[in-house]
Amino acid sequence: MLAEPTLPTPRQAADKLLPLLARCSGRPYAVVDASHGEQAYELITRWGEHAHCLYSGQEATTLARYAPYLLELRENSAALMELLEQAWQLNWAIFVDGAADWQKVRLQLKKSLFVLDENKDRHYFRYYDARILRLFLPTASKEQAAQFFGEDIYAFYAKTVNPQQWVEYRRSSPKALNWLTGEISLTATAWAP
């Protein structure tokens, strides 16, 4: 009889995600959804001036506790480890490999916050939820993908339904319009000493 694979603890998963973020060709960011509750919002506020609401104006003020935020991931800190652990267990965040200028990355991410339906009615598009991103990107046309990535986003990383894996959606080049999909497998054996 085969033994069930041992799932990684949140801390083990966070330890494995650090090298993934370190290999970014640009700069690593997280897009965190504050609507997941007080704990998510408190974690975002620890980033201080390195947390940027994707909403603007009155919407940013009114919806601050429910908005998506771009976090500049800078150093290995307790807050970063907590974010990685929570992102592993929940669907609070996706990760982005983007341009060095956070303002350019924020602007590109803001462009996809809303979509229009066939009646031209505007709806929120919660792509920053890993479950939605995993549905959207594999089915997007090359034109949609090019518009979604823009020039300033090189890759997105999201948790898969398999609790041992993350998926990477990377463009073949920051300037190219084609993009690639690949999985980064975090199997139980990866945590063996």
Protein backbone atom coordinates (compact mmCIF):
# COMPACT_ATOMS: atom_id res chain seq x y z
CA MET A 1 0.00 0.00 0.00
CA LEU A 2 1.35 3.41 -0.98
CA ALA A 3 1.69 6.05 1.71
CA GLU A 4 -0.04 9.37 1.23
CA PRO A 5 2.45 12.10 0.31
CA THR A 6 3.31 14.41 3.18
CA LEU A 7 2.12 17.91 2.46
CA PRO A 8 4.52 20.73 3.23
CA THR A 9 3.86 22.91 6.24
CA PRO A 10 3.22 26.58 5.48
CA ARG A 11 6.75 27.40 6.71
CA GLN A 12 8.30 24.75 4.43
CA ALA A 13 6.31 26.11 1.50
CA ALA A 14 7.41 29.67 2.29
CA ASP A 15 11.05 28.53 2.42
CA LYS A 16 10.64 27.04 -1.08
CA LEU A 17 8.90 30.14 -2.47
CA LEU A 18 11.79 32.45 -1.55
CA PRO A 19 14.13 31.02 -4.23
CA LEU A 20 11.29 31.24 -6.76
CA LEU A 21 10.94 34.96 -6.07
CA ALA A 22 14.72 35.43 -6.02
CA ARG A 23 14.97 34.21 -9.61
CA CYS A 24 12.71 36.96 -10.94
CA SER A 25 14.18 38.60 -14.02
CA GLY A 26 12.81 41.93 -12.79
CA ARG A 27 11.66 42.76 -9.31
CA PRO A 28 9.38 40.56 -7.14
CA TYR A 29 6.00 41.85 -6.00
CA ALA A 30 2.89 40.43 -4.39
CA VAL A 31 -0.67 41.42 -5.16
CA VAL A 32 -2.61 40.86 -1.95
CA ASP A 33 -6.38 40.92 -1.57
CA ALA A 34 -7.37 42.80 1.60
CA SER A 35 -10.95 41.53 1.32
CA HIS A 36 -9.88 38.27 2.96
CA GLY A 37 -10.33 39.88 6.36
CA GLU A 38 -8.65 41.79 9.12
CA GLN A 39 -5.57 39.54 9.18
CA ALA A 40 -4.92 40.19 5.48
CA TYR A 41 -5.38 43.94 5.89
CA GLU A 42 -3.08 44.05 8.95
CA LEU A 43 -0.40 42.18 7.04
CA ILE A 44 -0.66 44.70 4.17
CA THR A 45 -0.32 47.65 6.55
CA ARG A 46 3.02 46.29 7.82
CA TRP A 47 4.49 47.13 4.42
CA GLY A 48 3.91 50.84 5.09
CA GLU A 49 5.08 52.94 2.16
CA HIS A 50 5.84 49.78 0.16
CA ALA A 51 2.13 48.83 -0.03
CA HIS A 52 0.21 50.50 -2.85
CA CYS A 53 -3.55 50.25 -3.27
CA LEU A 54 -4.53 49.38 -6.83
CA TYR A 55 -7.63 51.55 -6.54
CA SER A 56 -7.35 55.33 -6.84
CA GLY A 57 -9.19 58.36 -5.53
CA GLN A 58 -12.39 57.94 -3.54
CA GLU A 59 -12.49 54.22 -4.33
CA ALA A 60 -9.10 53.73 -2.61
CA THR A 61 -10.41 55.41 0.55
CA THR A 62 -13.86 53.83 0.59
CA LEU A 63 -12.70 50.30 -0.26
CA ALA A 64 -9.30 50.33 1.49
CA ARG A 65 -10.07 47.24 3.59
CA TYR A 66 -11.35 45.32 0.55
CA ALA A 67 -8.94 46.45 -2.15
CA PRO A 68 -6.05 44.69 -3.84
CA TYR A 69 -2.59 46.01 -2.94
CA LEU A 70 0.75 45.82 -4.71
CA LEU A 71 3.49 44.99 -2.21
CA GLU A 72 7.12 45.64 -3.02
CA LEU A 73 8.92 42.54 -1.78
CA ARG A 74 12.24 43.77 -0.50
CA GLU A 75 13.95 41.59 2.05
CA ASN A 76 13.53 38.37 3.92
CA SER A 77 11.54 39.57 6.91
CA ALA A 78 9.00 38.18 9.34
CA ALA A 79 6.24 39.97 7.40
CA LEU A 80 7.42 38.42 4.12
CA MET A 81 7.53 34.94 5.63
CA GLU A 82 4.04 35.41 7.07
CA LEU A 83 2.78 36.58 3.67
CA LEU A 84 4.30 33.55 1.94
CA GLU A 85 2.84 31.20 4.54
CA GLN A 86 -0.62 32.76 4.25
CA ALA A 87 -0.46 32.81 0.45
CA TRP A 88 0.30 29.10 0.56
CA GLN A 89 -2.63 28.20 2.80
CA LEU A 90 -5.16 30.66 1.43
CA ASN A 91 -5.71 32.50 -1.83
CA TRP A 92 -4.74 35.91 -0.51
CA ALA A 93 -2.04 36.66 -3.03
CA ILE A 94 -0.43 36.13 -6.37
CA PHE A 95 3.16 37.05 -7.11
CA VAL A 96 4.52 39.13 -9.94
CA ASP A 97 7.89 39.45 -11.67
CA GLY A 98 7.86 43.00 -12.95
CA ALA A 99 9.71 46.15 -13.85
CA ALA A 100 11.95 47.83 -11.27
CA ASP A 101 9.62 50.84 -11.13
CA TRP A 102 6.68 49.83 -8.92
CA GLN A 103 4.58 52.67 -10.35
CA LYS A 104 4.73 51.12 -13.82
CA VAL A 105 3.75 47.70 -12.43
CA ARG A 106 0.88 49.23 -10.46
CA LEU A 107 -0.38 51.08 -13.53
CA GLN A 108 -0.33 47.87 -15.59
CA LEU A 109 -2.16 45.92 -12.88
CA LYS A 110 -4.77 48.68 -12.54
CA LYS A 111 -5.63 48.34 -16.24
CA SER A 112 -7.10 44.89 -15.59
CA LEU A 113 -9.15 45.66 -12.46
CA PHE A 114 -12.36 45.99 -14.46
CA VAL A 115 -13.86 44.25 -17.45
CA LEU A 116 -16.82 45.10 -19.64
CA ASP A 117 -19.53 42.59 -20.41
CA GLU A 118 -21.38 42.33 -23.72
CA ASN A 119 -23.69 45.20 -22.60
CA LYS A 120 -20.65 47.38 -21.79
CA ASP A 121 -21.41 47.17 -18.07
CA ARG A 122 -18.29 47.42 -15.90
CA HIS A 123 -17.45 44.59 -13.46
CA TYR A 124 -14.59 43.99 -11.03
CA PHE A 125 -12.10 41.41 -12.33
CA ARG A 126 -10.47 39.72 -9.35
CA TYR A 127 -7.47 38.28 -11.23
CA TYR A 128 -5.38 38.71 -8.05
CA ASP A 129 -7.20 35.67 -6.63
CA ALA A 130 -5.06 32.69 -7.71
CA ARG A 131 -8.20 30.67 -8.53
CA ILE A 132 -9.31 33.30 -11.06
CA LEU A 133 -5.86 33.88 -12.53
CA ARG A 134 -5.50 30.12 -13.15
CA LEU A 135 -8.77 30.12 -15.09
CA PHE A 136 -8.11 33.27 -17.08
CA LEU A 137 -4.53 33.05 -18.34
CA PRO A 138 -4.62 29.56 -19.91
CA THR A 139 -7.73 30.54 -21.88
CA ALA A 140 -6.68 34.07 -22.82
CA SER A 141 -5.94 34.85 -26.45
CA LYS A 142 -2.45 36.12 -27.29
CA GLU A 143 -3.91 39.60 -27.63
CA GLN A 144 -5.58 39.39 -24.21
CA ALA A 145 -2.39 38.05 -22.65
CA ALA A 146 -0.30 40.79 -24.26
CA GLN A 147 -2.71 43.40 -22.93
CA PHE A 148 -2.75 41.79 -19.48
CA PHE A 149 1.06 41.57 -19.16
CA GLY A 150 1.79 44.86 -20.88
CA GLU A 151 5.45 45.80 -21.12
CA ASP A 152 6.12 45.91 -17.39
CA ILE A 153 5.01 42.49 -16.14
CA TYR A 154 7.19 39.51 -17.01
CA ALA A 155 5.51 36.71 -15.04
CA PHE A 156 2.71 35.81 -12.66
CA TYR A 157 2.96 33.07 -10.02
CA ALA A 158 -0.12 31.48 -8.46
CA LYS A 159 -0.92 28.55 -6.23
CA THR A 160 -2.51 25.61 -8.03
CA VAL A 161 -5.27 23.32 -6.80
CA ASN A 162 -2.51 20.83 -5.95
CA PRO A 163 -1.28 22.04 -2.54
CA GLN A 164 2.28 21.11 -3.53
CA GLN A 165 2.51 23.25 -6.66
CA TRP A 166 2.62 26.79 -7.95
CA VAL A 167 2.14 27.69 -11.58
CA GLU A 168 4.22 30.25 -13.40
CA TYR A 169 2.81 32.21 -16.34
CA ARG A 170 5.81 33.83 -18.01
CA ARG A 171 6.23 35.67 -21.25
CA SER A 172 9.12 34.35 -23.28
CA SER A 173 10.62 37.85 -23.26
CA PRO A 174 9.55 41.11 -21.60
CA LYS A 175 9.03 42.62 -25.08
CA ALA A 176 7.56 39.59 -26.87
CA LEU A 177 3.83 39.11 -27.33
CA ASN A 178 3.94 35.34 -26.93
CA TRP A 179 3.96 33.81 -23.51
CA LEU A 180 4.64 30.46 -21.93
CA THR A 181 3.00 28.46 -19.19
CA GLY A 182 4.92 26.15 -16.95
CA GLU A 183 4.62 24.54 -13.60
CA ILE A 184 7.10 24.75 -10.80
CA SER A 185 6.56 21.58 -8.85
CA LEU A 186 7.06 21.71 -5.10
CA THR A 187 6.83 18.03 -4.30
CA ALA A 188 7.12 16.56 -0.84
CA THR A 189 10.55 15.17 -1.70
CA ALA A 190 11.80 18.71 -2.28
CA TRP A 191 11.64 19.24 1.47
CA ALA A 192 13.64 16.14 2.36
CA PRO A 193 16.92 16.93 4.18
